[in-house]
Amino acid sequence: MCGRYAFLLPPEAMAALFRTLNVLDYPPRYNIAPTQPVIAIAEREGRRTAELFRWGFMPWWVKDPRVFPLLINARAESMIEKPAFRDALRNSRCIVPASGYYEWKKGAADKRQPYYITSAETETMALAGLYSTWAGPNGEEVDTVCIVTVAPNLEIASVYDRMPAILRGDAVEAWLDTRNVEARDAAALAGPPPPGTMKYHPVGRDIGKAALDGPGLIVPVEVSEEAPGAPKKRSIAGGEQLDLF
């Protein structure tokens, strides 16, 4: 799964890269966690904009969000059939821009070592996403989003058994084009990137603390040979968790 990621591209550069009609102001973030506000790019009636969404997908038909599970990812292999995602796959696809994401690799004695994973080709990745606008009983509306995941490519398979679906080239345009690209064709776009296109390095365990943020979180650390999965040192970062509500 993808449960933490970073996004560092400045606002003007993001608007130019994804050709959005607006420039959304935001700071660089190194530790984006579920339930926090995240940036996603969507096309609504032909207008492509960057917007804030709550990371945790909630279908429009949910009656009580308190008893609905937190859906931060959608499996590409089954999203066309799942009631929670099939409407969004047809009508509400988006891009979640990311500079890198984190995954935890299981080591000796079930110890888990976090890794920061990035593209070896580009500064910013376009992660396939699905969004939904949930309307509450009092008229409140919340835009929610999840990230589509796929089986890993060759290098990421050594870290974890899933990875985000990273769209490249024309696939970005086709994914966003819900008016002309059918759900089944869109689903076929969500796959692992080719071998040799990703890179990663171990980072400190502070990344597991959602309240922390800062560049120290992506600094490489050494991993002890005596206890695989345990870093010899870790980075310290400060910051505050953001809240959409």
C-alpha atoms as a PDB file:
ATOM      1  CA  MET A   1       0.000   0.000   0.000  1.00  0.00           C
ATOM      2  CA  CYS A   2       0.969   3.646  -0.194  1.00  0.00           C
ATOM      3  CA  GLY A   3       0.385   5.249   3.202  1.00  0.00           C
ATOM      4  CA  ARG A   4       2.905   8.119   3.278  1.00  0.00           C
ATOM      5  CA  TYR A   5       4.331  10.352   0.592  1.00  0.00           C
ATOM      6  CA  ALA A   6       6.096  13.669  -0.034  1.00  0.00           C
ATOM      7  CA  PHE A   7       5.401  16.504  -2.458  1.00  0.00           C
ATOM      8  CA  LEU A   8       8.030  19.215  -2.857  1.00  0.00           C
ATOM      9  CA  LEU A   9       7.402  20.852  -6.249  1.00  0.00           C
ATOM     10  CA  PRO A  10       6.688  24.622  -5.944  1.00  0.00           C
ATOM     11  CA  PRO A  11       3.129  25.750  -6.822  1.00  0.00           C
ATOM     12  CA  GLU A  12       3.999  27.581 -10.045  1.00  0.00           C
ATOM     13  CA  ALA A  13       6.049  24.652 -11.316  1.00  0.00           C
ATOM     14  CA  MET A  14       3.206  22.242 -10.588  1.00  0.00           C
ATOM     15  CA  ALA A  15       0.705  24.419 -12.458  1.00  0.00           C
ATOM     16  CA  ALA A  16       3.027  24.521 -15.464  1.00  0.00           C
ATOM     17  CA  LEU A  17       3.813  20.804 -15.392  1.00  0.00           C
ATOM     18  CA  PHE A  18       0.183  19.665 -15.224  1.00  0.00           C
ATOM     19  CA  ARG A  19      -1.290  22.643 -17.090  1.00  0.00           C
ATOM     20  CA  THR A  20      -3.828  23.553 -14.434  1.00  0.00           C
ATOM     21  CA  LEU A  21      -5.987  26.656 -14.732  1.00  0.00           C
ATOM     22  CA  ASN A  22      -5.133  27.722 -11.204  1.00  0.00           C
ATOM     23  CA  VAL A  23      -2.081  28.007  -8.988  1.00  0.00           C
ATOM     24  CA  LEU A  24      -2.797  26.470  -5.601  1.00  0.00           C
ATOM     25  CA  ASP A  25      -0.643  27.858  -2.800  1.00  0.00           C
ATOM     26  CA  TYR A  26       0.951  25.238  -0.534  1.00  0.00           C
ATOM     27  CA  PRO A  27       4.222  24.537   1.327  1.00  0.00           C
ATOM     28  CA  PRO A  28       6.544  21.618   0.583  1.00  0.00           C
ATOM     29  CA  ARG A  29       5.490  18.557   2.567  1.00  0.00           C
ATOM     30  CA  TYR A  30       7.681  15.598   3.443  1.00  0.00           C
ATOM     31  CA  ASN A  31       5.279  13.434   5.418  1.00  0.00           C
ATOM     32  CA  ILE A  32       1.768  13.437   3.976  1.00  0.00           C
ATOM     33  CA  ALA A  33      -0.443  11.000   5.879  1.00  0.00           C
ATOM     34  CA  PRO A  34      -3.984   9.615   5.570  1.00  0.00           C
ATOM     35  CA  THR A  35      -6.884  11.891   6.624  1.00  0.00           C
ATOM     36  CA  GLN A  36      -4.760  14.987   5.895  1.00  0.00           C
ATOM     37  CA  PRO A  37      -5.536  17.446   3.084  1.00  0.00           C
ATOM     38  CA  VAL A  38      -3.681  16.539  -0.093  1.00  0.00           C
ATOM     39  CA  ILE A  39      -3.370  18.093  -3.535  1.00  0.00           C
ATOM     40  CA  ALA A  40      -4.968  16.342  -6.491  1.00  0.00           C
ATOM     41  CA  ILE A  41      -5.561  17.414 -10.074  1.00  0.00           C
ATOM     42  CA  ALA A  42      -8.925  16.780 -11.685  1.00  0.00           C
ATOM     43  CA  GLU A  43     -10.809  17.751 -14.817  1.00  0.00           C
ATOM     44  CA  ARG A  44     -14.387  18.820 -14.252  1.00  0.00           C
ATOM     45  CA  GLU A  45     -16.332  19.759 -17.386  1.00  0.00           C
ATOM     46  CA  GLY A  46     -13.091  20.225 -19.288  1.00  0.00           C
ATOM     47  CA  ARG A  47     -11.507  22.496 -16.664  1.00  0.00           C
ATOM     48  CA  ARG A  48      -8.313  21.127 -15.129  1.00  0.00           C
ATOM     49  CA  THR A  49      -7.626  22.438 -11.655  1.00  0.00           C
ATOM     50  CA  ALA A  50      -5.540  21.613  -8.601  1.00  0.00           C
ATOM     51  CA  GLU A  51      -7.699  21.128  -5.519  1.00  0.00           C
ATOM     52  CA  LEU A  52      -7.477  20.038  -1.893  1.00  0.00           C
ATOM     53  CA  PHE A  53      -8.954  16.661  -1.003  1.00  0.00           C
ATOM     54  CA  ARG A  54      -9.121  14.623   2.176  1.00  0.00           C
ATOM     55  CA  TRP A  55      -6.917  11.542   1.819  1.00  0.00           C
ATOM     56  CA  GLY A  56      -9.394   8.795   2.631  1.00  0.00           C
ATOM     57  CA  PHE A  57     -11.919   7.950  -0.065  1.00  0.00           C
ATOM     58  CA  MET A  58     -15.594   8.065   0.825  1.00  0.00           C
ATOM     59  CA  PRO A  59     -18.228   7.154  -1.801  1.00  0.00           C
ATOM     60  CA  TRP A  60     -21.121   9.557  -2.160  1.00  0.00           C
ATOM     61  CA  TRP A  61     -23.600   6.915  -0.983  1.00  0.00           C
ATOM     62  CA  VAL A  62     -22.084   6.451   2.498  1.00  0.00           C
ATOM     63  CA  LYS A  63     -24.642   7.259   5.192  1.00  0.00           C
ATOM     64  CA  ASP A  64     -22.418   7.329   8.282  1.00  0.00           C
ATOM     65  CA  PRO A  65     -18.696   8.004   7.726  1.00  0.00           C
ATOM     66  CA  ARG A  66     -17.961   6.976  11.308  1.00  0.00           C
ATOM     67  CA  VAL A  67     -18.578   3.323  10.491  1.00  0.00           C
ATOM     68  CA  PHE A  68     -17.066   3.344   6.988  1.00  0.00           C
ATOM     69  CA  PRO A  69     -13.459   2.079   6.633  1.00  0.00           C
ATOM     70  CA  LEU A  70     -10.647   4.459   5.738  1.00  0.00           C
ATOM     71  CA  LEU A  71      -9.896   3.804   2.055  1.00  0.00           C
ATOM     72  CA  ILE A  72      -6.548   5.381   1.205  1.00  0.00           C
ATOM     73  CA  ASN A  73      -5.770   3.016  -1.704  1.00  0.00           C
ATOM     74  CA  ALA A  74      -7.702   1.275  -4.481  1.00  0.00           C
ATOM     75  CA  ARG A  75      -6.297  -1.907  -6.015  1.00  0.00           C
ATOM     76  CA  ALA A  76      -6.090  -1.487  -9.793  1.00  0.00           C
ATOM     77  CA  GLU A  77      -6.958  -5.130 -10.405  1.00  0.00           C
ATOM     78  CA  SER A  78     -10.369  -4.911  -8.733  1.00  0.00           C
ATOM     79  CA  MET A  79     -11.419  -1.251  -8.734  1.00  0.00           C
ATOM     80  CA  ILE A  80     -13.636  -1.656 -11.795  1.00  0.00           C
ATOM     81  CA  GLU A  81     -15.762  -4.186  -9.886  1.00  0.00           C
ATOM     82  CA  LYS A  82     -15.730  -2.786  -6.338  1.00  0.00           C
ATOM     83  CA  PRO A  83     -18.893  -0.811  -5.461  1.00  0.00           C
ATOM     84  CA  ALA A  84     -16.789   1.759  -3.587  1.00  0.00           C
ATOM     85  CA  PHE A  85     -14.663   2.635  -6.633  1.00  0.00           C
ATOM     86  CA  ARG A  86     -16.422   1.758  -9.882  1.00  0.00           C
ATOM     87  CA  ASP A  87     -18.368   5.026 -10.197  1.00  0.00           C
ATOM     88  CA  ALA A  88     -15.222   7.054  -9.536  1.00  0.00           C
ATOM     89  CA  LEU A  89     -13.229   5.047 -12.059  1.00  0.00           C
ATOM     90  CA  ARG A  90     -15.815   5.958 -14.656  1.00  0.00           C
ATOM     91  CA  ASN A  91     -16.417   9.606 -13.722  1.00  0.00           C
ATOM     92  CA  SER A  92     -13.953  10.920 -11.126  1.00  0.00           C
ATOM     93  CA  ARG A  93     -10.344  10.109 -11.931  1.00  0.00           C
ATOM     94  CA  CYS A  94      -7.551  12.403 -10.781  1.00  0.00           C
ATOM     95  CA  ILE A  95      -3.796  12.749 -10.501  1.00  0.00           C
ATOM     96  CA  VAL A  96      -2.030  12.923  -7.140  1.00  0.00           C
ATOM     97  CA  PRO A  97       1.372  14.584  -7.709  1.00  0.00           C
ATOM     98  CA  ALA A  98       4.194  13.239  -5.557  1.00  0.00           C
ATOM     99  CA  SER A  99       7.941  13.684  -5.273  1.00  0.00           C
ATOM    100  CA  GLY A 100       8.366  10.340  -3.561  1.00  0.00           C
ATOM    101  CA  TYR A 101       6.634   7.911  -1.251  1.00  0.00           C
ATOM    102  CA  TYR A 102       7.562   5.732   1.706  1.00  0.00           C
ATOM    103  CA  GLU A 103       7.315   2.017   2.230  1.00  0.00           C
ATOM    104  CA  TRP A 104       8.313  -0.228   5.112  1.00  0.00           C
ATOM    105  CA  LYS A 105      10.404  -3.351   4.375  1.00  0.00           C
ATOM    106  CA  LYS A 106      10.206  -6.232   6.798  1.00  0.00           C
ATOM    107  CA  GLY A 107      13.587  -7.280   8.173  1.00  0.00           C
ATOM    108  CA  ALA A 108      14.879  -9.651  10.842  1.00  0.00           C
ATOM    109  CA  ALA A 109      12.604 -10.362  13.808  1.00  0.00           C
ATOM    110  CA  ASP A 110       9.778  -8.614  11.931  1.00  0.00           C
ATOM    111  CA  LYS A 111      11.500  -5.246  12.319  1.00  0.00           C
ATOM    112  CA  ARG A 112      10.446  -2.830   9.610  1.00  0.00           C
ATOM    113  CA  GLN A 113      12.774  -0.377   7.905  1.00  0.00           C
ATOM    114  CA  PRO A 114      11.239   2.604   6.057  1.00  0.00           C
ATOM    115  CA  TYR A 115      12.474   3.497   2.587  1.00  0.00           C
ATOM    116  CA  TYR A 116      11.970   6.648   0.559  1.00  0.00           C
ATOM    117  CA  ILE A 117      11.099   5.721  -3.029  1.00  0.00           C
ATOM    118  CA  THR A 118      11.335   8.103  -5.976  1.00  0.00           C
ATOM    119  CA  SER A 119      11.426   8.112  -9.752  1.00  0.00           C
ATOM    120  CA  ALA A 120      14.828   7.754 -11.390  1.00  0.00           C
ATOM    121  CA  GLU A 121      13.527   9.673 -14.407  1.00  0.00           C
ATOM    122  CA  THR A 122      11.619  12.712 -13.187  1.00  0.00           C
ATOM    123  CA  GLU A 123      11.321  15.078 -10.232  1.00  0.00           C
ATOM    124  CA  THR A 124       7.564  14.644  -9.879  1.00  0.00           C
ATOM    125  CA  MET A 125       5.450  11.530 -10.292  1.00  0.00           C
ATOM    126  CA  ALA A 126       1.816  11.490 -11.390  1.00  0.00           C
ATOM    127  CA  LEU A 127       0.044   8.941  -9.205  1.00  0.00           C
ATOM    128  CA  ALA A 128      -3.303   7.646 -10.446  1.00  0.00           C
ATOM    129  CA  GLY A 129      -6.106   8.624  -8.078  1.00  0.00           C
ATOM    130  CA  LEU A 130      -9.879   8.420  -7.666  1.00  0.00           C
ATOM    131  CA  TYR A 131     -12.008  11.046  -5.958  1.00  0.00           C
ATOM    132  CA  SER A 132     -15.524  11.373  -4.620  1.00  0.00           C
ATOM    133  CA  THR A 133     -17.548  14.187  -3.103  1.00  0.00           C
ATOM    134  CA  TRP A 134     -19.373  13.036  -0.005  1.00  0.00           C
ATOM    135  CA  ALA A 135     -22.425  15.060   1.048  1.00  0.00           C
ATOM    136  CA  GLY A 136     -23.465  14.969   4.688  1.00  0.00           C
ATOM    137  CA  PRO A 137     -26.978  15.151   6.141  1.00  0.00           C
ATOM    138  CA  ASN A 138     -26.572  18.843   6.981  1.00  0.00           C
ATOM    139  CA  GLY A 139     -25.496  19.828   3.477  1.00  0.00           C
ATOM    140  CA  GLU A 140     -21.771  19.705   4.141  1.00  0.00           C
ATOM    141  CA  GLU A 141     -19.554  18.431   1.315  1.00  0.00           C
ATOM    142  CA  VAL A 142     -16.118  16.837   1.566  1.00  0.00           C
ATOM    143  CA  ASP A 143     -13.942  15.997  -1.439  1.00  0.00           C
ATOM    144  CA  THR A 144     -12.084  12.747  -0.756  1.00  0.00           C
ATOM    145  CA  VAL A 145      -9.401  10.871  -2.669  1.00  0.00           C
ATOM    146  CA  CYS A 146      -7.488   7.597  -2.778  1.00  0.00           C
ATOM    147  CA  ILE A 147      -4.370   6.438  -4.634  1.00  0.00           C
ATOM    148  CA  VAL A 148      -4.516   3.503  -7.035  1.00  0.00           C
ATOM    149  CA  THR A 149      -1.980   0.740  -6.329  1.00  0.00           C
ATOM    150  CA  VAL A 150      -0.547  -2.030  -8.498  1.00  0.00           C
ATOM    151  CA  ALA A 151       1.892  -4.929  -8.281  1.00  0.00           C
ATOM    152  CA  PRO A 152       5.459  -3.615  -7.925  1.00  0.00           C
ATOM    153  CA  ASN A 153       8.005  -3.362 -10.695  1.00  0.00           C
ATOM    154  CA  LEU A 154      11.320  -5.207 -10.528  1.00  0.00           C
ATOM    155  CA  GLU A 155      13.232  -2.979  -8.116  1.00  0.00           C
ATOM    156  CA  ILE A 156      10.347  -2.153  -5.767  1.00  0.00           C
ATOM    157  CA  ALA A 157       9.444  -5.859  -5.409  1.00  0.00           C
ATOM    158  CA  SER A 158      12.457  -6.188  -3.118  1.00  0.00           C
ATOM    159  CA  VAL A 159      10.923  -3.628  -0.738  1.00  0.00           C
ATOM    160  CA  TYR A 160       7.165  -4.261  -0.811  1.00  0.00           C
ATOM    161  CA  ASP A 161       4.516  -6.179  -2.729  1.00  0.00           C
ATOM    162  CA  ARG A 162       2.495  -3.122  -3.866  1.00  0.00           C
ATOM    163  CA  MET A 163       3.266   0.324  -5.237  1.00  0.00           C
ATOM    164  CA  PRO A 164       1.314   3.350  -6.509  1.00  0.00           C
ATOM    165  CA  ALA A 165       0.203   3.322 -10.135  1.00  0.00           C
ATOM    166  CA  ILE A 166       2.521   5.890 -11.740  1.00  0.00           C
ATOM    167  CA  LEU A 167       1.188   7.386 -14.962  1.00  0.00           C
ATOM    168  CA  ARG A 168       3.687   8.414 -17.624  1.00  0.00           C
ATOM    169  CA  GLY A 169       3.419  10.374 -20.873  1.00  0.00           C
ATOM    170  CA  ASP A 170       0.080  10.208 -22.665  1.00  0.00           C
ATOM    171  CA  ALA A 171      -1.376   8.042 -19.903  1.00  0.00           C
ATOM    172  CA  VAL A 172      -1.728  11.153 -17.734  1.00  0.00           C
ATOM    173  CA  GLU A 173      -3.992  12.841 -20.268  1.00  0.00           C
ATOM    174  CA  ALA A 174      -6.032   9.702 -20.901  1.00  0.00           C
ATOM    175  CA  TRP A 175      -6.530   9.043 -17.193  1.00  0.00           C
ATOM    176  CA  LEU A 176      -7.939  12.517 -16.617  1.00  0.00           C
ATOM    177  CA  ASP A 177     -10.164  12.385 -19.706  1.00  0.00           C
ATOM    178  CA  THR A 178     -13.278  10.805 -18.202  1.00  0.00           C
ATOM    179  CA  ARG A 179     -15.468  12.113 -21.032  1.00  0.00           C
ATOM    180  CA  ASN A 180     -13.744  10.116 -23.758  1.00  0.00           C
ATOM    181  CA  VAL A 181     -11.819   7.302 -22.032  1.00  0.00           C
ATOM    182  CA  GLU A 182     -13.970   4.466 -20.690  1.00  0.00           C
ATOM    183  CA  ALA A 183     -13.418   2.971 -17.256  1.00  0.00           C
ATOM    184  CA  ARG A 184     -11.996  -0.317 -18.552  1.00  0.00           C
ATOM    185  CA  ASP A 185      -9.543   1.494 -20.814  1.00  0.00           C
ATOM    186  CA  ALA A 186      -8.526   3.754 -17.949  1.00  0.00           C
ATOM    187  CA  ALA A 187      -7.964   0.755 -15.682  1.00  0.00           C
ATOM    188  CA  ALA A 188      -5.560  -0.666 -18.249  1.00  0.00           C
ATOM    189  CA  LEU A 189      -3.414   2.463 -17.885  1.00  0.00           C
ATOM    190  CA  ALA A 190      -2.742   1.735 -14.213  1.00  0.00           C
ATOM    191  CA  GLY A 191       0.289  -0.514 -14.128  1.00  0.00           C
ATOM    192  CA  PRO A 192       3.805  -0.638 -12.678  1.00  0.00           C
ATOM    193  CA  PRO A 193       6.467   1.494 -14.363  1.00  0.00           C
ATOM    194  CA  PRO A 194       9.175  -0.266 -16.393  1.00  0.00           C
ATOM    195  CA  PRO A 195      12.162  -1.802 -14.566  1.00  0.00           C
ATOM    196  CA  GLY A 196      14.982   0.628 -13.903  1.00  0.00           C
ATOM    197  CA  THR A 197      12.753   3.675 -13.512  1.00  0.00           C
ATOM    198  CA  MET A 198      12.596   3.764  -9.688  1.00  0.00           C
ATOM    199  CA  LYS A 199      15.156   4.241  -6.936  1.00  0.00           C
ATOM    200  CA  TYR A 200      15.055   4.153  -3.132  1.00  0.00           C
ATOM    201  CA  HIS A 201      17.083   4.543   0.043  1.00  0.00           C
ATOM    202  CA  PRO A 202      16.518   3.825   3.761  1.00  0.00           C
ATOM    203  CA  VAL A 203      15.335   6.673   6.004  1.00  0.00           C
ATOM    204  CA  GLY A 204      14.796   7.129   9.725  1.00  0.00           C
ATOM    205  CA  ARG A 205      11.757   5.833  11.565  1.00  0.00           C
ATOM    206  CA  ASP A 206      10.557   9.361  12.369  1.00  0.00           C
ATOM    207  CA  ILE A 207       8.564   9.126   9.136  1.00  0.00           C
ATOM    208  CA  GLY A 208       6.079   6.989  11.043  1.00  0.00           C
ATOM    209  CA  LYS A 209       5.088  10.000  13.172  1.00  0.00           C
ATOM    210  CA  ALA A 210       2.415  11.864  11.246  1.00  0.00           C
ATOM    211  CA  ALA A 211       2.936  15.071  13.238  1.00  0.00           C
ATOM    212  CA  LEU A 212       6.523  15.433  11.973  1.00  0.00           C
ATOM    213  CA  ASP A 213       7.530  17.120   8.736  1.00  0.00           C
ATOM    214  CA  GLY A 214      10.704  18.508   7.225  1.00  0.00           C
ATOM    215  CA  PRO A 215      13.589  17.697   4.873  1.00  0.00           C
ATOM    216  CA  GLY A 216      15.363  15.591   7.491  1.00  0.00           C
ATOM    217  CA  LEU A 217      12.800  12.852   6.916  1.00  0.00           C
ATOM    218  CA  ILE A 218      14.182  11.978   3.462  1.00  0.00           C
ATOM    219  CA  VAL A 219      17.870  11.998   4.452  1.00  0.00           C
ATOM    220  CA  PRO A 220      19.435   8.548   3.856  1.00  0.00           C
ATOM    221  CA  VAL A 221      20.444   6.545   6.913  1.00  0.00           C
ATOM    222  CA  GLU A 222      22.741   3.561   7.337  1.00  0.00           C
ATOM    223  CA  VAL A 223      21.162   0.208   8.120  1.00  0.00           C
ATOM    224  CA  SER A 224      22.827  -1.971  10.733  1.00  0.00           C
ATOM    225  CA  GLU A 225      24.235  -5.245   9.442  1.00  0.00           C
ATOM    226  CA  GLU A 226      23.778  -6.886  12.847  1.00  0.00           C
ATOM    227  CA  ALA A 227      20.053  -6.162  12.936  1.00  0.00           C
ATOM    228  CA  PRO A 228      18.657  -5.781   9.419  1.00  0.00           C
ATOM    229  CA  GLY A 229      15.956  -3.180   9.294  1.00  0.00           C
ATOM    230  CA  ALA A 230      17.355  -1.105  12.173  1.00  0.00           C
ATOM    231  CA  PRO A 231      19.042   2.173  11.193  1.00  0.00           C
ATOM    232  CA  LYS A 232      22.193   3.230  13.023  1.00  0.00           C
ATOM    233  CA  LYS A 233      21.007   6.807  13.079  1.00  0.00           C
ATOM    234  CA  ARG A 234      17.837   8.646  12.288  1.00  0.00           C
ATOM    235  CA  SER A 235      16.908  12.106  11.225  1.00  0.00           C
ATOM    236  CA  ILE A 236      14.957  14.515  13.379  1.00  0.00           C
ATOM    237  CA  ALA A 237      12.367  16.784  11.811  1.00  0.00           C
ATOM    238  CA  GLY A 238       9.807  19.139  13.221  1.00  0.00           C
ATOM    239  CA  GLY A 239       6.437  20.307  12.077  1.00  0.00           C
ATOM    240  CA  GLU A 240       2.734  20.075  12.652  1.00  0.00           C
ATOM    241  CA  GLN A 241       0.104  17.810  11.175  1.00  0.00           C
ATOM    242  CA  LEU A 242      -2.430  19.477   8.890  1.00  0.00           C
ATOM    243  CA  ASP A 243      -6.125  18.852   9.326  1.00  0.00           C
ATOM    244  CA  LEU A 244      -8.800  19.255   6.686  1.00  0.00           C
ATOM    245  CA  PHE A 245     -11.623  19.571   9.222  1.00  0.00           C
END
